[in-house]
Protein backbone atom coordinates (compact mmCIF):
# COMPACT_ATOMS: atom_id res chain seq x y z
CA MET A 1 -3.35 2.26 4.22
CA GLU A 2 -0.29 2.20 6.45
CA CYS A 3 2.60 4.68 6.29
CA LYS A 4 6.26 3.79 6.87
CA ARG A 5 9.44 5.88 6.96
CA ALA A 6 11.57 2.90 5.93
CA ASP A 7 13.11 2.89 2.46
CA ALA A 8 12.16 -0.78 2.07
CA PRO A 9 9.04 -1.60 4.10
CA LYS A 10 8.31 -5.21 4.97
CA LEU A 11 5.17 -7.18 5.63
CA THR A 12 4.56 -7.11 9.39
CA ALA A 13 2.39 -9.13 11.71
CA SER A 14 0.19 -6.06 12.33
CA ILE A 15 -0.58 -5.79 8.61
CA ARG A 16 -1.52 -9.48 8.41
CA ILE A 17 -3.70 -9.14 11.52
CA ALA A 18 -5.43 -6.03 10.11
CA LEU A 19 -6.19 -7.89 6.87
CA ASP A 20 -7.79 -10.75 8.79
CA ASP A 21 -9.47 -8.92 11.67
CA LEU A 22 -10.85 -6.05 9.61
CA GLY A 23 -11.68 -8.15 6.56
CA LEU A 24 -9.68 -5.86 4.28
CA GLU A 25 -9.39 -6.68 0.58
CA ARG A 26 -5.95 -5.06 0.31
CA VAL A 27 -3.50 -2.80 2.11
CA ALA A 28 -1.27 -0.10 0.66
CA VAL A 29 1.89 0.60 2.65
CA ILE A 30 2.90 4.17 1.79
CA TYR A 31 6.67 4.75 1.88
CA PRO A 32 9.14 7.42 0.66
CA GLY A 33 10.68 5.28 -2.09
CA ALA A 34 10.08 5.46 -5.84
CA LYS A 35 9.05 1.90 -6.77
CA ARG A 36 5.75 0.13 -6.28
CA TYR A 37 6.10 -3.55 -5.34
CA PRO A 38 4.17 -6.38 -3.64
CA LEU A 39 4.86 -7.23 0.00
CA GLY A 40 2.52 -10.21 0.08
CA ASP A 41 -0.97 -11.31 -0.93
CA ALA A 42 -3.15 -8.18 -0.99
CA VAL A 43 -0.34 -5.98 0.40
CA GLU A 44 1.67 -3.55 -1.70
CA ALA A 45 4.39 -0.97 -1.03
CA VAL A 46 3.32 2.26 -2.72
CA PRO A 47 5.45 5.40 -3.18
CA LEU A 48 4.24 8.49 -1.31
CA LYS A 49 4.10 10.47 -4.56
CA THR A 50 1.33 8.13 -5.73
CA LEU A 51 -1.06 9.97 -3.42
CA THR A 52 -0.80 13.05 -5.66
CA THR A 53 -2.54 11.23 -8.54
CA PRO A 54 -6.28 10.73 -7.98
CA GLY A 55 -7.26 7.07 -8.20
CA ALA A 56 -3.69 5.75 -8.39
CA LEU A 57 -3.38 4.32 -4.88
CA PHE A 58 -4.37 0.80 -5.92
CA ASP A 59 -3.55 -0.79 -9.27
CA GLY A 60 -6.58 -1.21 -11.43
CA GLU A 61 -8.31 1.92 -10.15
CA SER A 62 -9.24 4.44 -12.79
CA PRO A 63 -8.04 7.99 -12.20
CA ALA A 64 -10.85 10.43 -11.46
CA ALA A 65 -12.06 12.35 -14.50
């Protein structure tokens, strides 16, 4: 997870390096906007408010019961 203050975060070299060097499956870039959207393969911009819903950080995760 990476956090950005920008209203429209972009895929950065540091995110690509983290994916490769750390062997991450995916990265969520948390930002203050309202829309969830892809930034690249395995990288997604995710609204900050998403963190208030258990299990909603990554698509396909089931919310906790």
